[in-house]
Amino acid sequence: MKPRMLLISFAALALAGCHHRHGGQMVSPEEAAAAADASQAAWISGDAAKMDALYDQGIVGFDPSFPDLVTSWDKWQSLDKQFAGAKFSAIAVKARKIQMLGPKGFVVSGQATLSGGGSKPTEFRFTDVYQRKDGKFLIVNEHVSYAPMPMKPPT
């Protein structure tokens, strides 16, 4: 075998091993968008159990209704129940960006408004980090904050 062909063969084997070691196919933009859409639908379902199913039980995150970093699954579930109680029924996403992280994950960041259910419309910003676990995408890190008030121009 010629040295060039031998080198190409080794490179192909190395790439194949790398692909297998990282757990399979790359996440497609369509898969990531579908997971983000499903999350947004669950957030307005009013069903805390449906929201809980979006998250890894090792979730780490910031919720705008709680001042501290949440690292406890029990606390996260209580925040989901509180959120479900607001009975939001619509979400309007005005900006969303999906960034691919490799074969197992992606980040979704955006701005949106929640409304309905007798609650006043709430504008917020979010960042969710998804990881493929046991064949489905779960949120392993989330940061949600209320949208800031626009700055007044200097006088």
N, C-alpha and C. Protein backbone atom coordinates (compact mmCIF):
# COMPACT_ATOMS: atom_id res chain seq x y z
N MET A 1 0.86 -1.17 0.00
CA MET A 1 0.00 0.00 0.00
C MET A 1 0.90 1.23 0.00
N LYS A 2 0.53 2.18 -0.81
CA LYS A 2 1.31 3.41 -0.88
C LYS A 2 1.18 4.20 0.42
N PRO A 3 2.23 4.97 0.80
CA PRO A 3 2.18 5.73 2.05
C PRO A 3 0.98 6.69 2.11
N ARG A 4 0.64 7.29 0.99
CA ARG A 4 -0.48 8.25 0.98
C ARG A 4 -1.79 7.53 1.30
N MET A 5 -2.03 6.38 0.70
CA MET A 5 -3.25 5.61 0.95
C MET A 5 -3.28 5.11 2.40
N LEU A 6 -2.11 4.72 2.91
CA LEU A 6 -2.02 4.26 4.28
C LEU A 6 -2.40 5.40 5.23
N LEU A 7 -1.91 6.59 4.97
CA LEU A 7 -2.22 7.76 5.79
C LEU A 7 -3.72 8.07 5.74
N ILE A 8 -4.30 8.02 4.55
CA ILE A 8 -5.74 8.28 4.40
C ILE A 8 -6.54 7.23 5.16
N SER A 9 -6.12 5.97 5.09
CA SER A 9 -6.83 4.90 5.80
C SER A 9 -6.77 5.12 7.31
N PHE A 10 -5.60 5.47 7.83
CA PHE A 10 -5.47 5.74 9.26
C PHE A 10 -6.34 6.93 9.68
N ALA A 11 -6.36 7.98 8.86
CA ALA A 11 -7.17 9.15 9.17
C ALA A 11 -8.65 8.79 9.21
N ALA A 12 -9.11 7.98 8.27
CA ALA A 12 -10.51 7.57 8.23
C ALA A 12 -10.87 6.74 9.47
N LEU A 13 -9.97 5.83 9.87
CA LEU A 13 -10.21 5.04 11.06
C LEU A 13 -10.25 5.90 12.32
N ALA A 14 -9.37 6.87 12.39
CA ALA A 14 -9.33 7.77 13.55
C ALA A 14 -10.62 8.57 13.64
N LEU A 15 -11.09 9.09 12.52
CA LEU A 15 -12.34 9.85 12.51
C LEU A 15 -13.52 8.97 12.89
N ALA A 16 -13.55 7.76 12.40
CA ALA A 16 -14.64 6.84 12.73
C ALA A 16 -14.64 6.55 14.23
N GLY A 17 -13.47 6.33 14.81
CA GLY A 17 -13.38 6.09 16.24
C GLY A 17 -13.79 7.29 17.04
N CYS A 18 -13.44 8.46 16.59
CA CYS A 18 -13.82 9.71 17.26
C CYS A 18 -15.34 9.86 17.23
N HIS A 19 -15.94 9.57 16.09
CA HIS A 19 -17.38 9.69 15.91
C HIS A 19 -18.09 8.75 16.88
N HIS A 20 -17.60 7.51 16.99
CA HIS A 20 -18.22 6.53 17.88
C HIS A 20 -18.04 6.94 19.34
N ARG A 21 -16.87 7.40 19.70
CA ARG A 21 -16.56 7.76 21.07
C ARG A 21 -17.45 8.89 21.57
N HIS A 22 -17.90 9.78 20.68
CA HIS A 22 -18.73 10.90 21.09
C HIS A 22 -20.22 10.59 21.05
N GLY A 23 -20.60 9.36 20.82
CA GLY A 23 -21.99 8.98 20.98
C GLY A 23 -22.85 9.09 19.76
N GLY A 24 -22.31 9.08 18.58
CA GLY A 24 -23.15 9.00 17.39
C GLY A 24 -23.22 10.26 16.58
N GLN A 25 -24.34 10.39 15.91
CA GLN A 25 -24.54 11.47 14.95
C GLN A 25 -24.54 12.84 15.63
N MET A 26 -24.09 13.81 14.87
CA MET A 26 -24.18 15.20 15.33
C MET A 26 -25.65 15.59 15.45
N VAL A 27 -25.95 16.45 16.38
CA VAL A 27 -27.30 16.99 16.50
C VAL A 27 -27.55 17.85 15.26
N SER A 28 -28.66 17.64 14.60
CA SER A 28 -28.98 18.47 13.44
C SER A 28 -29.68 19.74 13.90
N PRO A 29 -29.58 20.81 13.12
CA PRO A 29 -30.31 22.03 13.47
C PRO A 29 -31.82 21.78 13.59
N GLU A 30 -32.34 20.85 12.80
CA GLU A 30 -33.77 20.54 12.85
C GLU A 30 -34.14 19.85 14.18
N GLU A 31 -33.27 18.93 14.63
CA GLU A 31 -33.52 18.26 15.92
C GLU A 31 -33.49 19.28 17.06
N ALA A 32 -32.51 20.17 17.01
CA ALA A 32 -32.38 21.18 18.06
C ALA A 32 -33.60 22.10 18.07
N ALA A 33 -34.05 22.54 16.90
CA ALA A 33 -35.22 23.41 16.82
C ALA A 33 -36.47 22.69 17.32
N ALA A 34 -36.61 21.41 16.98
CA ALA A 34 -37.78 20.63 17.44
C ALA A 34 -37.78 20.51 18.97
N ALA A 35 -36.61 20.27 19.56
CA ALA A 35 -36.52 20.17 21.02
C ALA A 35 -36.85 21.51 21.67
N ALA A 36 -36.36 22.61 21.10
CA ALA A 36 -36.66 23.94 21.64
C ALA A 36 -38.15 24.24 21.52
N ASP A 37 -38.75 23.90 20.38
CA ASP A 37 -40.19 24.11 20.19
C ASP A 37 -41.00 23.31 21.21
N ALA A 38 -40.60 22.05 21.45
CA ALA A 38 -41.30 21.21 22.41
C ALA A 38 -41.18 21.79 23.83
N SER A 39 -40.02 22.34 24.15
CA SER A 39 -39.85 22.97 25.47
C SER A 39 -40.77 24.16 25.62
N GLN A 40 -40.81 24.99 24.59
CA GLN A 40 -41.66 26.19 24.66
C GLN A 40 -43.13 25.81 24.77
N ALA A 41 -43.54 24.74 24.10
CA ALA A 41 -44.93 24.27 24.22
C ALA A 41 -45.21 23.77 25.64
N ALA A 42 -44.25 23.07 26.23
CA ALA A 42 -44.44 22.56 27.60
C ALA A 42 -44.53 23.71 28.60
N TRP A 43 -43.76 24.77 28.38
CA TRP A 43 -43.78 25.90 29.31
C TRP A 43 -45.16 26.54 29.40
N ILE A 44 -45.94 26.48 28.34
CA ILE A 44 -47.27 27.09 28.38
C ILE A 44 -48.38 26.05 28.54
N SER A 45 -48.01 24.84 28.89
CA SER A 45 -49.00 23.77 29.06
C SER A 45 -49.76 23.87 30.38
N GLY A 46 -49.18 24.56 31.36
CA GLY A 46 -49.78 24.60 32.68
C GLY A 46 -49.59 23.30 33.46
N ASP A 47 -48.75 22.42 32.95
CA ASP A 47 -48.54 21.09 33.53
C ASP A 47 -47.11 20.99 34.06
N ALA A 48 -46.97 21.05 35.39
CA ALA A 48 -45.63 21.03 35.99
C ALA A 48 -44.89 19.74 35.67
N ALA A 49 -45.59 18.61 35.62
CA ALA A 49 -44.93 17.34 35.31
C ALA A 49 -44.37 17.35 33.88
N LYS A 50 -45.11 17.96 32.97
CA LYS A 50 -44.65 18.06 31.58
C LYS A 50 -43.40 18.95 31.52
N MET A 51 -43.39 20.02 32.32
CA MET A 51 -42.21 20.89 32.37
C MET A 51 -41.02 20.16 33.00
N ASP A 52 -41.28 19.44 34.09
CA ASP A 52 -40.20 18.69 34.74
C ASP A 52 -39.52 17.72 33.78
N ALA A 53 -40.30 17.14 32.88
CA ALA A 53 -39.77 16.15 31.93
C ALA A 53 -38.76 16.75 30.95
N LEU A 54 -38.71 18.08 30.87
CA LEU A 54 -37.76 18.75 29.97
C LEU A 54 -36.34 18.76 30.53
N TYR A 55 -36.22 18.59 31.85
CA TYR A 55 -34.97 18.87 32.54
C TYR A 55 -34.28 17.61 33.05
N ASP A 56 -32.96 17.66 33.03
CA ASP A 56 -32.14 16.65 33.68
C ASP A 56 -32.27 16.88 35.19
N GLN A 57 -32.29 15.81 35.98
CA GLN A 57 -32.45 15.98 37.43
C GLN A 57 -31.22 16.60 38.09
N GLY A 58 -30.14 16.75 37.34
CA GLY A 58 -28.96 17.46 37.83
C GLY A 58 -28.94 18.92 37.36
N ILE A 59 -30.11 19.45 37.02
CA ILE A 59 -30.22 20.81 36.47
C ILE A 59 -29.53 21.83 37.38
N VAL A 60 -28.90 22.78 36.73
CA VAL A 60 -28.33 23.94 37.41
C VAL A 60 -28.93 25.14 36.70
N GLY A 61 -29.45 26.10 37.46
CA GLY A 61 -30.06 27.22 36.76
C GLY A 61 -30.43 28.39 37.63
N PHE A 62 -30.79 29.46 36.94
CA PHE A 62 -31.31 30.68 37.57
C PHE A 62 -32.74 30.87 37.09
N ASP A 63 -33.63 31.11 38.04
CA ASP A 63 -35.03 31.39 37.75
C ASP A 63 -35.31 32.81 38.23
N PRO A 64 -36.05 33.61 37.46
CA PRO A 64 -36.25 35.00 37.87
C PRO A 64 -37.07 35.16 39.15
N SER A 65 -37.78 34.10 39.56
CA SER A 65 -38.59 34.21 40.77
C SER A 65 -37.84 33.77 42.04
N PHE A 66 -36.58 33.37 41.89
CA PHE A 66 -35.80 32.88 43.02
C PHE A 66 -34.42 33.51 42.98
N PRO A 67 -33.94 34.05 44.10
CA PRO A 67 -32.70 34.84 44.06
C PRO A 67 -31.40 34.06 43.91
N ASP A 68 -31.40 32.77 44.23
CA ASP A 68 -30.16 32.02 44.27
C ASP A 68 -30.04 31.04 43.10
N LEU A 69 -28.82 30.57 42.89
CA LEU A 69 -28.57 29.51 41.92
C LEU A 69 -29.28 28.25 42.41
N VAL A 70 -30.04 27.62 41.52
CA VAL A 70 -30.77 26.41 41.89
C VAL A 70 -29.95 25.20 41.46
N THR A 71 -29.64 24.33 42.41
CA THR A 71 -28.89 23.10 42.11
C THR A 71 -29.62 21.88 42.67
N SER A 72 -30.79 22.07 43.24
CA SER A 72 -31.56 20.99 43.83
C SER A 72 -32.75 20.65 42.93
N TRP A 73 -32.91 19.37 42.63
CA TRP A 73 -34.05 18.93 41.81
C TRP A 73 -35.38 19.26 42.50
N ASP A 74 -35.43 19.08 43.83
CA ASP A 74 -36.66 19.39 44.56
C ASP A 74 -37.03 20.86 44.42
N LYS A 75 -36.04 21.73 44.54
CA LYS A 75 -36.32 23.18 44.39
C LYS A 75 -36.77 23.48 42.96
N TRP A 76 -36.12 22.84 41.97
CA TRP A 76 -36.49 23.09 40.57
C TRP A 76 -37.95 22.68 40.34
N GLN A 77 -38.33 21.54 40.89
CA GLN A 77 -39.71 21.09 40.73
C GLN A 77 -40.69 22.06 41.39
N SER A 78 -40.34 22.61 42.53
CA SER A 78 -41.25 23.56 43.19
C SER A 78 -41.38 24.84 42.35
N LEU A 79 -40.29 25.25 41.70
CA LEU A 79 -40.37 26.42 40.81
C LEU A 79 -41.22 26.12 39.59
N ASP A 80 -41.13 24.89 39.05
CA ASP A 80 -41.99 24.50 37.93
C ASP A 80 -43.46 24.54 38.34
N LYS A 81 -43.78 24.07 39.54
CA LYS A 81 -45.17 24.11 40.01
C LYS A 81 -45.66 25.54 40.14
N GLN A 82 -44.82 26.41 40.66
CA GLN A 82 -45.16 27.83 40.79
C GLN A 82 -45.41 28.44 39.41
N PHE A 83 -44.54 28.14 38.47
CA PHE A 83 -44.67 28.67 37.11
C PHE A 83 -45.95 28.14 36.46
N ALA A 84 -46.22 26.85 36.61
CA ALA A 84 -47.44 26.26 36.04
C ALA A 84 -48.68 26.95 36.59
N GLY A 85 -48.62 27.36 37.86
CA GLY A 85 -49.74 28.05 38.49
C GLY A 85 -50.07 29.40 37.88
N ALA A 86 -49.10 29.99 37.18
CA ALA A 86 -49.35 31.28 36.51
C ALA A 86 -50.27 31.10 35.30
N LYS A 87 -50.37 29.88 34.81
CA LYS A 87 -51.27 29.51 33.71
C LYS A 87 -51.07 30.34 32.44
N PHE A 88 -49.81 30.59 32.10
CA PHE A 88 -49.53 31.24 30.82
C PHE A 88 -50.04 30.32 29.71
N SER A 89 -50.62 30.90 28.67
CA SER A 89 -51.17 30.07 27.59
C SER A 89 -50.57 30.39 26.22
N ALA A 90 -49.68 31.38 26.16
CA ALA A 90 -49.07 31.73 24.88
C ALA A 90 -47.64 32.19 25.11
N ILE A 91 -46.80 31.88 24.15
CA ILE A 91 -45.42 32.35 24.16
C ILE A 91 -45.12 32.90 22.77
N ALA A 92 -44.62 34.11 22.74
CA ALA A 92 -44.21 34.74 21.48
C ALA A 92 -42.71 34.95 21.54
N VAL A 93 -41.98 34.18 20.75
CA VAL A 93 -40.53 34.27 20.73
C VAL A 93 -40.14 35.25 19.64
N LYS A 94 -39.50 36.36 20.03
CA LYS A 94 -39.14 37.35 19.02
C LYS A 94 -37.70 37.21 18.55
N ALA A 95 -36.91 36.48 19.29
CA ALA A 95 -35.52 36.23 18.86
C ALA A 95 -35.10 34.90 19.47
N ARG A 96 -34.52 34.05 18.64
CA ARG A 96 -34.02 32.77 19.13
C ARG A 96 -32.80 32.39 18.31
N LYS A 97 -31.76 31.97 18.99
CA LYS A 97 -30.52 31.54 18.33
C LYS A 97 -30.14 30.19 18.90
N ILE A 98 -29.86 29.24 18.00
CA ILE A 98 -29.43 27.91 18.41
C ILE A 98 -27.97 27.74 18.01
N GLN A 99 -27.15 27.35 18.98
CA GLN A 99 -25.72 27.12 18.75
C GLN A 99 -25.43 25.64 19.02
N MET A 100 -24.84 24.99 18.05
CA MET A 100 -24.51 23.57 18.19
C MET A 100 -23.23 23.43 19.01
N LEU A 101 -23.23 22.44 19.93
CA LEU A 101 -22.07 22.21 20.80
C LEU A 101 -21.32 20.93 20.49
N GLY A 102 -21.79 20.16 19.57
CA GLY A 102 -21.13 18.89 19.26
C GLY A 102 -22.17 17.81 19.09
N PRO A 103 -21.74 16.55 19.19
CA PRO A 103 -22.66 15.46 18.89
C PRO A 103 -23.76 15.26 19.93
N LYS A 104 -23.62 15.82 21.11
CA LYS A 104 -24.61 15.57 22.16
C LYS A 104 -25.35 16.80 22.65
N GLY A 105 -25.02 18.00 22.17
CA GLY A 105 -25.66 19.14 22.79
C GLY A 105 -25.75 20.39 21.95
N PHE A 106 -26.53 21.32 22.48
CA PHE A 106 -26.71 22.61 21.84
C PHE A 106 -27.22 23.61 22.87
N VAL A 107 -27.13 24.89 22.53
CA VAL A 107 -27.60 25.98 23.39
C VAL A 107 -28.67 26.74 22.63
N VAL A 108 -29.75 27.08 23.34
CA VAL A 108 -30.80 27.91 22.77
C VAL A 108 -30.89 29.18 23.62
N SER A 109 -30.74 30.33 22.99
CA SER A 109 -30.87 31.62 23.67
C SER A 109 -31.93 32.42 22.95
N GLY A 110 -32.65 33.24 23.70
CA GLY A 110 -33.67 34.03 23.04
C GLY A 110 -34.35 35.03 23.95
N GLN A 111 -35.29 35.72 23.35
CA GLN A 111 -36.15 36.69 24.03
C GLN A 111 -37.58 36.32 23.69
N ALA A 112 -38.47 36.42 24.68
CA ALA A 112 -39.85 36.02 24.44
C ALA A 112 -40.78 36.75 25.39
N THR A 113 -42.07 36.64 25.10
CA THR A 113 -43.12 37.17 25.96
C THR A 113 -44.11 36.05 26.25
N LEU A 114 -44.40 35.86 27.53
CA LEU A 114 -45.43 34.91 27.97
C LEU A 114 -46.69 35.71 28.25
N SER A 115 -47.86 35.16 27.89
CA SER A 115 -49.12 35.85 28.15
C SER A 115 -50.24 34.85 28.35
N GLY A 116 -51.39 35.36 28.73
CA GLY A 116 -52.59 34.54 28.89
C GLY A 116 -52.77 34.04 30.30
N GLY A 117 -53.91 33.40 30.52
CA GLY A 117 -54.19 32.81 31.82
C GLY A 117 -54.44 33.80 32.92
N GLY A 118 -54.77 35.04 32.57
CA GLY A 118 -55.03 36.05 33.59
C GLY A 118 -53.79 36.73 34.13
N SER A 119 -52.63 36.30 33.69
CA SER A 119 -51.38 36.94 34.12
C SER A 119 -51.03 38.04 33.13
N LYS A 120 -50.38 39.08 33.63
CA LYS A 120 -49.97 40.13 32.69
C LYS A 120 -48.82 39.61 31.83
N PRO A 121 -48.71 40.09 30.58
CA PRO A 121 -47.61 39.63 29.72
C PRO A 121 -46.26 39.86 30.40
N THR A 122 -45.39 38.88 30.28
CA THR A 122 -44.09 38.92 30.92
C THR A 122 -43.01 38.72 29.87
N GLU A 123 -42.15 39.73 29.72
CA GLU A 123 -41.03 39.62 28.79
C GLU A 123 -39.82 39.07 29.54
N PHE A 124 -39.12 38.17 28.87
CA PHE A 124 -37.96 37.56 29.52
C PHE A 124 -36.91 37.18 28.48
N ARG A 125 -35.73 36.89 28.99
CA ARG A 125 -34.62 36.37 28.18
C ARG A 125 -34.26 35.01 28.74
N PHE A 126 -33.79 34.13 27.88
CA PHE A 126 -33.48 32.78 28.34
C PHE A 126 -32.27 32.20 27.61
N THR A 127 -31.59 31.33 28.30
CA THR A 127 -30.53 30.50 27.72
C THR A 127 -30.70 29.11 28.30
N ASP A 128 -30.83 28.12 27.42
CA ASP A 128 -30.97 26.73 27.83
C ASP A 128 -29.88 25.91 27.17
N VAL A 129 -29.21 25.09 27.96
CA VAL A 129 -28.20 24.17 27.45
C VAL A 129 -28.81 22.78 27.45
N TYR A 130 -28.88 22.18 26.28
CA TYR A 130 -29.47 20.84 26.11
C TYR A 130 -28.36 19.82 25.92
N GLN A 131 -28.60 18.63 26.47
CA GLN A 131 -27.68 17.51 26.27
C GLN A 131 -28.51 16.27 25.96
N ARG A 132 -28.02 15.48 25.00
CA ARG A 132 -28.71 14.23 24.66
C ARG A 132 -28.39 13.20 25.74
N LYS A 133 -29.44 12.69 26.39
CA LYS A 133 -29.29 11.69 27.44
C LYS A 133 -30.34 10.62 27.21
N ASP A 134 -29.90 9.38 27.12
CA ASP A 134 -30.81 8.25 26.90
C ASP A 134 -31.74 8.50 25.71
N GLY A 135 -31.18 9.08 24.65
CA GLY A 135 -31.93 9.24 23.41
C GLY A 135 -32.83 10.45 23.32
N LYS A 136 -32.88 11.28 24.36
CA LYS A 136 -33.69 12.49 24.26
C LYS A 136 -32.89 13.68 24.77
N PHE A 137 -33.32 14.87 24.36
CA PHE A 137 -32.63 16.08 24.76
C PHE A 137 -33.22 16.61 26.05
N LEU A 138 -32.36 16.83 27.05
CA LEU A 138 -32.78 17.38 28.33
C LEU A 138 -32.02 18.68 28.59
N ILE A 139 -32.67 19.60 29.27
CA ILE A 139 -32.02 20.85 29.64
C ILE A 139 -31.20 20.57 30.89
N VAL A 140 -29.89 20.85 30.80
CA VAL A 140 -28.98 20.61 31.93
C VAL A 140 -28.59 21.92 32.62
N ASN A 141 -28.82 23.04 31.96
CA ASN A 141 -28.53 24.35 32.53
C ASN A 141 -29.49 25.35 31.93
N GLU A 142 -30.08 26.20 32.79
CA GLU A 142 -31.02 27.20 32.30
C GLU A 142 -30.80 28.51 33.05
N HIS A 143 -30.89 29.59 32.31
CA HIS A 143 -30.83 30.92 32.92
C HIS A 143 -31.97 31.72 32.31
N VAL A 144 -32.90 32.14 33.16
CA VAL A 144 -34.03 32.96 32.72
C VAL A 144 -34.00 34.24 33.53
N SER A 145 -34.18 35.36 32.85
CA SER A 145 -34.24 36.65 33.54
C SER A 145 -35.31 37.52 32.88
N TYR A 146 -35.91 38.38 33.69
CA TYR A 146 -36.87 39.32 33.13
C TYR A 146 -36.13 40.31 32.23
N ALA A 147 -36.81 40.74 31.18
CA ALA A 147 -36.20 41.73 30.28
C ALA A 147 -35.99 43.03 31.04
N PRO A 148 -34.85 43.67 30.85
CA PRO A 148 -34.59 44.92 31.56
C PRO A 148 -35.44 46.06 31.00
N MET A 149 -35.65 47.03 31.83
CA MET A 149 -36.36 48.24 31.37
C MET A 149 -35.43 49.00 30.43
N PRO A 150 -35.98 49.57 29.36
CA PRO A 150 -35.13 50.36 28.45
C PRO A 150 -34.51 51.54 29.20
N MET A 151 -33.28 51.84 28.86
CA MET A 151 -32.60 52.97 29.49
C MET A 151 -33.18 54.27 28.95
N LYS A 152 -33.28 55.25 29.85
CA LYS A 152 -33.74 56.56 29.43
C LYS A 152 -32.56 57.29 28.79
N PRO A 153 -32.82 58.02 27.69
CA PRO A 153 -31.73 58.76 27.07
C PRO A 153 -31.23 59.86 28.02
N PRO A 154 -29.93 60.15 27.97
CA PRO A 154 -29.40 61.20 28.84
C PRO A 154 -30.04 62.55 28.50
N THR A 155 -30.22 63.36 29.53
CA THR A 155 -30.82 64.69 29.32
C THR A 155 -29.79 65.77 29.32
